[in-house]
Amino acid sequence: MLEVPSMERSFMSGSSTDDSHLQILELGLEEASQPGERQSRLYDELMSINITRSSSEESQNLSNSSGSNISEEMGTIAELANTIDGYLDNPRTNRTILSNQIKRATRQIRRKYDNLQTDLINEQRRRYNAEVERDLRQTDLDNALNDLNMMTTAYNNERVTCQ
């Protein structure tokens, strides 16, 4: 009898229609006493549903935490690596399912990377604009001080010539 690994069981919580479909698949898998094409098909379908569910949960989690930091990024990459290792160790894993999951995960990583790059560029712009504004204020202050010094000098020169 073929067992669903514990890693996949953690993804089996979801909508009631998916749960009933999963239960039917698991029962069919348990009823298939000898490994064969039917058991392989059932297992592949079960894996496909679990992978799809885990990917949708990951994408929901990603959309909920748009302000993520680098440690979360590293956690996502580590989870991806662990998942890939787990699926590669399982000889029954359908390569198409695995490649689709890898593609989804890399797209998510690219999106996060692009968001981080955008955040970095926006932060650099804010800092640059703040520096420019500070420099303009300093220039205005310097000009005002120069005007004051010129007026003081002109006043003193006029006082000296009047005496």
N, C-alpha and C. Protein backbone atom coordinates (compact mmCIF):
# COMPACT_ATOMS: atom_id res chain seq x y z
N MET A 1 0.84 -1.18 0.00
CA MET A 1 0.00 0.00 0.00
C MET A 1 0.89 1.24 0.00
N LEU A 2 0.51 2.24 -0.78
CA LEU A 2 1.27 3.46 -0.94
C LEU A 2 0.72 4.50 0.01
N GLU A 3 1.58 5.09 0.83
CA GLU A 3 1.17 6.11 1.80
C GLU A 3 1.47 7.49 1.26
N VAL A 4 0.64 8.44 1.62
CA VAL A 4 0.90 9.82 1.30
C VAL A 4 1.89 10.33 2.34
N PRO A 5 3.04 10.86 1.91
CA PRO A 5 4.02 11.34 2.88
C PRO A 5 3.44 12.44 3.77
N SER A 6 4.00 12.54 4.96
CA SER A 6 3.48 13.51 5.93
C SER A 6 3.60 14.93 5.43
N MET A 7 4.59 15.22 4.58
CA MET A 7 4.76 16.56 4.07
C MET A 7 3.54 16.97 3.26
N GLU A 8 2.98 16.04 2.47
CA GLU A 8 1.81 16.36 1.68
C GLU A 8 0.55 16.44 2.53
N ARG A 9 0.47 15.67 3.59
CA ARG A 9 -0.73 15.70 4.44
C ARG A 9 -0.96 17.07 5.05
N SER A 10 0.12 17.81 5.29
CA SER A 10 -0.05 19.13 5.89
C SER A 10 -0.77 20.08 4.95
N PHE A 11 -0.78 19.78 3.64
CA PHE A 11 -1.45 20.65 2.69
C PHE A 11 -2.89 20.26 2.47
N MET A 12 -3.40 19.26 3.17
CA MET A 12 -4.72 18.73 2.89
C MET A 12 -5.84 19.44 3.63
N SER A 13 -5.62 20.62 4.12
CA SER A 13 -6.71 21.36 4.74
C SER A 13 -7.13 22.45 3.78
N GLY A 14 -8.39 22.49 3.44
CA GLY A 14 -8.85 23.47 2.48
C GLY A 14 -10.34 23.43 2.37
N SER A 15 -10.85 23.65 1.17
CA SER A 15 -12.29 23.69 0.99
C SER A 15 -12.88 22.29 1.09
N SER A 16 -14.18 22.22 1.37
CA SER A 16 -14.83 20.93 1.59
C SER A 16 -14.88 20.11 0.31
N THR A 17 -15.02 20.74 -0.86
CA THR A 17 -15.04 19.97 -2.11
C THR A 17 -13.70 19.32 -2.35
N ASP A 18 -12.63 20.06 -2.11
CA ASP A 18 -11.30 19.48 -2.27
C ASP A 18 -11.08 18.37 -1.26
N ASP A 19 -11.56 18.56 -0.03
CA ASP A 19 -11.39 17.53 1.00
C ASP A 19 -12.11 16.25 0.63
N SER A 20 -13.33 16.37 0.11
CA SER A 20 -14.06 15.15 -0.27
C SER A 20 -13.37 14.48 -1.45
N HIS A 21 -12.87 15.26 -2.39
CA HIS A 21 -12.15 14.69 -3.52
C HIS A 21 -10.87 14.00 -3.04
N LEU A 22 -10.20 14.62 -2.09
CA LEU A 22 -8.99 14.01 -1.53
C LEU A 22 -9.31 12.71 -0.81
N GLN A 23 -10.40 12.70 -0.07
CA GLN A 23 -10.78 11.48 0.65
C GLN A 23 -11.09 10.35 -0.32
N ILE A 24 -11.77 10.67 -1.41
CA ILE A 24 -12.07 9.65 -2.42
C ILE A 24 -10.77 9.12 -3.02
N LEU A 25 -9.85 10.03 -3.31
CA LEU A 25 -8.56 9.60 -3.87
C LEU A 25 -7.79 8.72 -2.89
N GLU A 26 -7.79 9.12 -1.61
CA GLU A 26 -7.07 8.33 -0.61
C GLU A 26 -7.69 6.95 -0.46
N LEU A 27 -9.04 6.88 -0.47
CA LEU A 27 -9.70 5.57 -0.37
C LEU A 27 -9.37 4.71 -1.57
N GLY A 28 -9.40 5.31 -2.75
CA GLY A 28 -9.04 4.56 -3.96
C GLY A 28 -7.61 4.09 -3.91
N LEU A 29 -6.75 4.91 -3.34
CA LEU A 29 -5.34 4.56 -3.22
C LEU A 29 -5.16 3.40 -2.25
N GLU A 30 -5.91 3.42 -1.15
CA GLU A 30 -5.81 2.33 -0.18
C GLU A 30 -6.39 1.03 -0.73
N GLU A 31 -7.46 1.14 -1.57
CA GLU A 31 -8.08 -0.06 -2.13
C GLU A 31 -7.21 -0.74 -3.17
N ALA A 32 -6.38 0.03 -3.84
CA ALA A 32 -5.50 -0.56 -4.85
C ALA A 32 -4.39 -1.31 -4.12
N SER A 33 -4.55 -2.62 -4.02
CA SER A 33 -3.64 -3.42 -3.19
C SER A 33 -2.28 -3.60 -3.84
N GLN A 34 -2.23 -3.72 -5.16
CA GLN A 34 -0.95 -3.92 -5.83
C GLN A 34 -0.57 -2.65 -6.57
N PRO A 35 0.73 -2.32 -6.52
CA PRO A 35 1.15 -1.13 -7.25
C PRO A 35 0.90 -1.34 -8.74
N GLY A 36 0.30 -0.40 -9.36
CA GLY A 36 0.02 -0.50 -10.77
C GLY A 36 -0.31 0.85 -11.34
N GLU A 37 -0.84 0.84 -12.55
CA GLU A 37 -1.13 2.09 -13.24
C GLU A 37 -2.21 2.89 -12.52
N ARG A 38 -3.27 2.23 -12.04
CA ARG A 38 -4.35 2.94 -11.35
C ARG A 38 -3.84 3.59 -10.08
N GLN A 39 -3.05 2.85 -9.32
CA GLN A 39 -2.52 3.40 -8.08
C GLN A 39 -1.58 4.57 -8.40
N SER A 40 -0.80 4.43 -9.42
CA SER A 40 0.11 5.49 -9.82
C SER A 40 -0.66 6.74 -10.24
N ARG A 41 -1.74 6.55 -11.02
CA ARG A 41 -2.57 7.67 -11.45
C ARG A 41 -3.21 8.37 -10.26
N LEU A 42 -3.75 7.57 -9.33
CA LEU A 42 -4.38 8.16 -8.14
C LEU A 42 -3.36 8.94 -7.32
N TYR A 43 -2.19 8.37 -7.16
CA TYR A 43 -1.16 9.04 -6.38
C TYR A 43 -0.73 10.34 -7.07
N ASP A 44 -0.56 10.30 -8.39
CA ASP A 44 -0.18 11.50 -9.13
C ASP A 44 -1.24 12.59 -9.01
N GLU A 45 -2.51 12.20 -9.09
CA GLU A 45 -3.59 13.18 -8.96
C GLU A 45 -3.61 13.77 -7.55
N LEU A 46 -3.40 12.93 -6.56
CA LEU A 46 -3.34 13.38 -5.17
C LEU A 46 -2.19 14.37 -4.98
N MET A 47 -1.04 14.03 -5.52
CA MET A 47 0.13 14.92 -5.43
C MET A 47 -0.16 16.24 -6.13
N SER A 48 -0.81 16.18 -7.28
CA SER A 48 -1.12 17.39 -8.04
C SER A 48 -2.02 18.31 -7.24
N ILE A 49 -3.04 17.75 -6.61
CA ILE A 49 -3.96 18.56 -5.79
C ILE A 49 -3.21 19.17 -4.61
N ASN A 50 -2.38 18.37 -3.97
CA ASN A 50 -1.63 18.88 -2.81
C ASN A 50 -0.67 19.98 -3.21
N ILE A 51 0.00 19.81 -4.33
CA ILE A 51 0.94 20.83 -4.79
C ILE A 51 0.20 22.10 -5.16
N THR A 52 -0.92 21.96 -5.86
CA THR A 52 -1.71 23.12 -6.24
C THR A 52 -2.20 23.86 -5.01
N ARG A 53 -2.68 23.10 -4.02
CA ARG A 53 -3.18 23.72 -2.79
C ARG A 53 -2.05 24.43 -2.06
N SER A 54 -0.89 23.80 -1.97
CA SER A 54 0.23 24.43 -1.26
C SER A 54 0.67 25.68 -1.99
N SER A 55 0.67 25.66 -3.32
CA SER A 55 1.06 26.84 -4.08
C SER A 55 0.07 27.97 -3.89
N SER A 56 -1.24 27.66 -3.86
CA SER A 56 -2.23 28.71 -3.66
C SER A 56 -2.14 29.28 -2.25
N GLU A 57 -1.87 28.42 -1.26
CA GLU A 57 -1.69 28.92 0.10
C GLU A 57 -0.46 29.81 0.19
N GLU A 58 0.63 29.42 -0.49
CA GLU A 58 1.84 30.23 -0.49
C GLU A 58 1.58 31.57 -1.15
N SER A 59 0.86 31.58 -2.27
CA SER A 59 0.61 32.84 -2.96
C SER A 59 -0.30 33.74 -2.12
N GLN A 60 -1.27 33.16 -1.37
CA GLN A 60 -2.10 33.96 -0.48
C GLN A 60 -1.25 34.54 0.64
N ASN A 61 -0.36 33.72 1.18
CA ASN A 61 0.51 34.21 2.24
C ASN A 61 1.42 35.31 1.72
N LEU A 62 1.90 35.17 0.49
CA LEU A 62 2.76 36.19 -0.09
C LEU A 62 2.01 37.49 -0.30
N SER A 63 0.76 37.41 -0.78
CA SER A 63 0.01 38.63 -1.02
C SER A 63 -0.38 39.29 0.30
N ASN A 64 -0.55 38.52 1.37
CA ASN A 64 -0.90 39.09 2.67
C ASN A 64 0.27 39.80 3.31
N SER A 65 1.49 39.40 2.98
CA SER A 65 2.66 40.01 3.61
C SER A 65 3.49 40.73 2.56
N SER A 66 2.93 41.81 1.99
CA SER A 66 3.64 42.52 0.94
C SER A 66 4.86 43.26 1.48
N GLY A 67 4.86 43.63 2.75
CA GLY A 67 6.00 44.31 3.33
C GLY A 67 6.97 43.34 3.97
N SER A 68 7.38 42.34 3.22
CA SER A 68 8.24 41.31 3.80
C SER A 68 9.69 41.77 3.83
N ASN A 69 10.49 41.11 4.68
CA ASN A 69 11.89 41.47 4.77
C ASN A 69 12.75 40.34 4.23
N ILE A 70 14.05 40.51 4.29
CA ILE A 70 14.97 39.57 3.65
C ILE A 70 14.97 38.21 4.33
N SER A 71 14.80 38.15 5.65
CA SER A 71 14.79 36.85 6.31
C SER A 71 13.61 36.01 5.84
N GLU A 72 12.47 36.66 5.55
CA GLU A 72 11.33 35.93 5.00
C GLU A 72 11.65 35.42 3.60
N GLU A 73 12.39 36.23 2.82
CA GLU A 73 12.79 35.80 1.48
C GLU A 73 13.65 34.55 1.57
N MET A 74 14.59 34.55 2.49
CA MET A 74 15.47 33.41 2.64
C MET A 74 14.68 32.19 3.11
N GLY A 75 13.67 32.41 3.95
CA GLY A 75 12.82 31.31 4.39
C GLY A 75 12.07 30.69 3.23
N THR A 76 11.58 31.53 2.32
CA THR A 76 10.87 31.03 1.15
C THR A 76 11.80 30.20 0.27
N ILE A 77 13.01 30.67 0.08
CA ILE A 77 13.97 29.94 -0.75
C ILE A 77 14.33 28.62 -0.08
N ALA A 78 14.52 28.63 1.24
CA ALA A 78 14.84 27.39 1.95
C ALA A 78 13.68 26.40 1.87
N GLU A 79 12.45 26.89 2.01
CA GLU A 79 11.28 26.01 1.89
C GLU A 79 11.21 25.40 0.50
N LEU A 80 11.48 26.21 -0.51
CA LEU A 80 11.46 25.71 -1.88
C LEU A 80 12.49 24.61 -2.06
N ALA A 81 13.70 24.85 -1.56
CA ALA A 81 14.76 23.84 -1.69
C ALA A 81 14.37 22.55 -0.97
N ASN A 82 13.83 22.66 0.23
CA ASN A 82 13.41 21.47 0.99
C ASN A 82 12.29 20.72 0.27
N THR A 83 11.35 21.46 -0.29
CA THR A 83 10.24 20.83 -1.01
C THR A 83 10.75 20.09 -2.24
N ILE A 84 11.63 20.74 -2.98
CA ILE A 84 12.20 20.10 -4.18
C ILE A 84 12.94 18.83 -3.79
N ASP A 85 13.75 18.91 -2.74
CA ASP A 85 14.48 17.71 -2.28
C ASP A 85 13.51 16.60 -1.91
N GLY A 86 12.44 16.94 -1.20
CA GLY A 86 11.46 15.93 -0.80
C GLY A 86 10.79 15.27 -1.99
N TYR A 87 10.44 16.05 -2.98
CA TYR A 87 9.79 15.49 -4.16
C TYR A 87 10.75 14.69 -5.02
N LEU A 88 12.00 15.12 -5.08
CA LEU A 88 12.97 14.37 -5.88
C LEU A 88 13.29 13.03 -5.25
N ASP A 89 13.23 12.95 -3.92
CA ASP A 89 13.49 11.68 -3.24
C ASP A 89 12.36 10.68 -3.46
N ASN A 90 11.18 11.15 -3.80
CA ASN A 90 10.03 10.28 -4.01
C ASN A 90 10.00 9.83 -5.48
N PRO A 91 10.21 8.54 -5.76
CA PRO A 91 10.27 8.09 -7.15
C PRO A 91 8.92 8.17 -7.87
N ARG A 92 7.82 8.30 -7.16
CA ARG A 92 6.50 8.33 -7.78
C ARG A 92 6.09 9.75 -8.20
N THR A 93 6.90 10.73 -7.87
CA THR A 93 6.54 12.11 -8.19
C THR A 93 6.55 12.33 -9.69
N ASN A 94 5.48 12.89 -10.18
CA ASN A 94 5.37 13.21 -11.59
C ASN A 94 6.27 14.41 -11.88
N ARG A 95 7.14 14.28 -12.84
CA ARG A 95 8.10 15.35 -13.16
C ARG A 95 7.40 16.61 -13.66
N THR A 96 6.28 16.46 -14.34
CA THR A 96 5.55 17.63 -14.82
C THR A 96 5.02 18.44 -13.65
N ILE A 97 4.48 17.75 -12.66
CA ILE A 97 3.97 18.43 -11.47
C ILE A 97 5.10 19.17 -10.78
N LEU A 98 6.24 18.50 -10.63
CA LEU A 98 7.39 19.11 -9.98
C LEU A 98 7.88 20.33 -10.76
N SER A 99 7.98 20.20 -12.07
CA SER A 99 8.46 21.34 -12.86
C SER A 99 7.48 22.51 -12.78
N ASN A 100 6.18 22.23 -12.77
CA ASN A 100 5.20 23.31 -12.64
C ASN A 100 5.32 24.01 -11.29
N GLN A 101 5.53 23.23 -10.24
CA GLN A 101 5.68 23.85 -8.92
C GLN A 101 6.95 24.70 -8.86
N ILE A 102 8.02 24.21 -9.44
CA ILE A 102 9.27 24.98 -9.46
C ILE A 102 9.06 26.28 -10.23
N LYS A 103 8.37 26.21 -11.35
CA LYS A 103 8.10 27.42 -12.14
C LYS A 103 7.29 28.43 -11.33
N ARG A 104 6.25 27.95 -10.63
CA ARG A 104 5.44 28.85 -9.80
C ARG A 104 6.28 29.49 -8.70
N ALA A 105 7.10 28.68 -8.07
CA ALA A 105 7.91 29.20 -6.97
C ALA A 105 8.93 30.21 -7.48
N THR A 106 9.55 29.93 -8.62
CA THR A 106 10.52 30.90 -9.14
C THR A 106 9.84 32.18 -9.58
N ARG A 107 8.62 32.09 -10.10
CA ARG A 107 7.87 33.32 -10.44
C ARG A 107 7.61 34.14 -9.18
N GLN A 108 7.23 33.45 -8.10
CA GLN A 108 6.98 34.16 -6.84
C GLN A 108 8.26 34.82 -6.33
N ILE A 109 9.37 34.12 -6.44
CA ILE A 109 10.65 34.69 -5.99
C ILE A 109 11.01 35.89 -6.85
N ARG A 110 10.80 35.79 -8.16
CA ARG A 110 11.08 36.93 -9.04
C ARG A 110 10.21 38.13 -8.68
N ARG A 111 8.91 37.87 -8.41
CA ARG A 111 8.02 38.97 -8.02
C ARG A 111 8.51 39.64 -6.74
N LYS A 112 8.88 38.84 -5.77
CA LYS A 112 9.38 39.40 -4.51
C LYS A 112 10.66 40.20 -4.75
N TYR A 113 11.54 39.66 -5.59
CA TYR A 113 12.79 40.36 -5.90
C TYR A 113 12.49 41.69 -6.57
N ASP A 114 11.57 41.69 -7.54
CA ASP A 114 11.20 42.93 -8.22
C ASP A 114 10.61 43.93 -7.24
N ASN A 115 9.77 43.46 -6.32
CA ASN A 115 9.20 44.36 -5.31
C ASN A 115 10.28 44.94 -4.41
N LEU A 116 11.25 44.11 -4.02
CA LEU A 116 12.34 44.61 -3.19
C LEU A 116 13.17 45.64 -3.95
N GLN A 117 13.43 45.38 -5.24
CA GLN A 117 14.18 46.34 -6.06
C GLN A 117 13.42 47.66 -6.16
N THR A 118 12.11 47.59 -6.36
CA THR A 118 11.29 48.80 -6.45
C THR A 118 11.33 49.56 -5.13
N ASP A 119 11.21 48.85 -4.02
CA ASP A 119 11.29 49.49 -2.71
C ASP A 119 12.64 50.16 -2.50
N LEU A 120 13.71 49.49 -2.92
CA LEU A 120 15.06 50.05 -2.79
C LEU A 120 15.20 51.32 -3.61
N ILE A 121 14.72 51.29 -4.85
CA ILE A 121 14.80 52.47 -5.72
C ILE A 121 14.00 53.62 -5.13
N ASN A 122 12.80 53.33 -4.62
CA ASN A 122 11.97 54.38 -4.01
C ASN A 122 12.65 54.98 -2.79
N GLU A 123 13.27 54.14 -1.98
CA GLU A 123 13.98 54.64 -0.80
C GLU A 123 15.17 55.52 -1.21
N GLN A 124 15.90 55.10 -2.24
CA GLN A 124 17.02 55.91 -2.73
C GLN A 124 16.54 57.25 -3.25
N ARG A 125 15.41 57.26 -3.94
CA ARG A 125 14.84 58.53 -4.43
C ARG A 125 14.45 59.44 -3.27
N ARG A 126 13.81 58.86 -2.25
CA ARG A 126 13.42 59.67 -1.09
C ARG A 126 14.65 60.29 -0.43
N ARG A 127 15.70 59.51 -0.29
CA ARG A 127 16.92 60.04 0.33
C ARG A 127 17.56 61.12 -0.54
N TYR A 128 17.60 60.88 -1.84
CA TYR A 128 18.18 61.86 -2.75
C TYR A 128 17.38 63.16 -2.68
N ASN A 129 16.05 63.06 -2.72
CA ASN A 129 15.21 64.25 -2.64
C ASN A 129 15.40 64.99 -1.32
N ALA A 130 15.56 64.26 -0.24
CA ALA A 130 15.80 64.90 1.06
C ALA A 130 17.15 65.62 1.07
N GLU A 131 18.16 65.01 0.45
CA GLU A 131 19.48 65.67 0.37
C GLU A 131 19.40 66.93 -0.47
N VAL A 132 18.70 66.87 -1.59
CA VAL A 132 18.55 68.04 -2.46
C VAL A 132 17.84 69.16 -1.71
N GLU A 133 16.77 68.82 -1.00
CA GLU A 133 16.04 69.83 -0.24
C GLU A 133 16.92 70.44 0.84
N ARG A 134 17.70 69.61 1.53
CA ARG A 134 18.61 70.12 2.56
C ARG A 134 19.66 71.05 1.94
N ASP A 135 20.20 70.66 0.78
CA ASP A 135 21.19 71.50 0.11
C ASP A 135 20.59 72.83 -0.32
N LEU A 136 19.34 72.82 -0.81
CA LEU A 136 18.68 74.07 -1.20
C LEU A 136 18.48 74.99 0.01
N ARG A 137 18.08 74.42 1.12
CA ARG A 137 17.92 75.23 2.35
C ARG A 137 19.25 75.82 2.79
N GLN A 138 20.31 75.03 2.69
CA GLN A 138 21.64 75.52 3.08
C GLN A 138 22.08 76.64 2.14
N THR A 139 21.80 76.49 0.85
CA THR A 139 22.15 77.54 -0.13
C THR A 139 21.37 78.82 0.17
N ASP A 140 20.07 78.68 0.46
CA ASP A 140 19.26 79.85 0.81
C ASP A 140 19.79 80.53 2.06
N LEU A 141 20.19 79.76 3.05
CA LEU A 141 20.74 80.31 4.29
C LEU A 141 22.06 81.03 4.00
N ASP A 142 22.92 80.42 3.19
CA ASP A 142 24.19 81.05 2.84
C ASP A 142 23.96 82.36 2.09
N ASN A 143 23.00 82.37 1.16
CA ASN A 143 22.68 83.60 0.41
C ASN A 143 22.16 84.68 1.35
N ALA A 144 21.31 84.31 2.29
CA ALA A 144 20.78 85.28 3.24
C ALA A 144 21.90 85.85 4.11
N LEU A 145 22.82 85.00 4.55
CA LEU A 145 23.95 85.49 5.35
C LEU A 145 24.85 86.42 4.53
N ASN A 146 25.09 86.07 3.27
CA ASN A 146 25.90 86.94 2.40
C ASN A 146 25.22 88.29 2.20
N ASP A 147 23.88 88.28 1.99
CA ASP A 147 23.14 89.54 1.85
C ASP A 147 23.26 90.38 3.12
N LEU A 148 23.15 89.73 4.28
CA LEU A 148 23.27 90.43 5.55
C LEU A 148 24.66 91.04 5.70
N ASN A 149 25.68 90.28 5.34
CA ASN A 149 27.05 90.79 5.43
C ASN A 149 27.27 91.96 4.47
N MET A 150 26.72 91.88 3.26
CA MET A 150 26.86 92.99 2.31
C MET A 150 26.15 94.23 2.81
N MET A 151 24.96 94.07 3.39
CA MET A 151 24.23 95.22 3.93
C MET A 151 24.97 95.85 5.09
N THR A 152 25.51 94.99 5.95
CA THR A 152 26.27 95.49 7.10
C THR A 152 27.50 96.26 6.62
N THR A 153 28.19 95.72 5.64
CA THR A 153 29.38 96.38 5.09
C THR A 153 28.99 97.71 4.44
N ALA A 154 27.92 97.72 3.67
CA ALA A 154 27.47 98.95 3.02
C ALA A 154 27.07 99.99 4.06
N TYR A 155 26.38 99.59 5.10
CA TYR A 155 25.98 100.50 6.17
C TYR A 155 27.20 101.09 6.86
N ASN A 156 28.16 100.21 7.19
CA ASN A 156 29.39 100.69 7.85
C ASN A 156 30.17 101.63 6.93
N ASN A 157 30.25 101.32 5.65
CA ASN A 157 30.96 102.20 4.71
C ASN A 157 30.28 103.56 4.61
N GLU A 158 28.96 103.59 4.61
CA GLU A 158 28.23 104.84 4.52
C GLU A 158 28.41 105.66 5.79
N ARG A 159 28.46 105.00 6.93
CA ARG A 159 28.67 105.72 8.19
C ARG A 159 30.05 106.35 8.22
N VAL A 160 31.03 105.63 7.68
CA VAL A 160 32.40 106.14 7.68
C VAL A 160 32.50 107.35 6.74
N THR A 161 31.88 107.29 5.59
CA THR A 161 31.96 108.40 4.64
C THR A 161 31.19 109.63 5.12
N CYS A 162 30.19 109.47 5.93
CA CYS A 162 29.39 110.59 6.43
C CYS A 162 30.11 111.31 7.55
N GLN A 163 31.03 110.77 8.15
CA GLN A 163 31.69 111.41 9.30
C GLN A 163 32.76 112.31 8.89
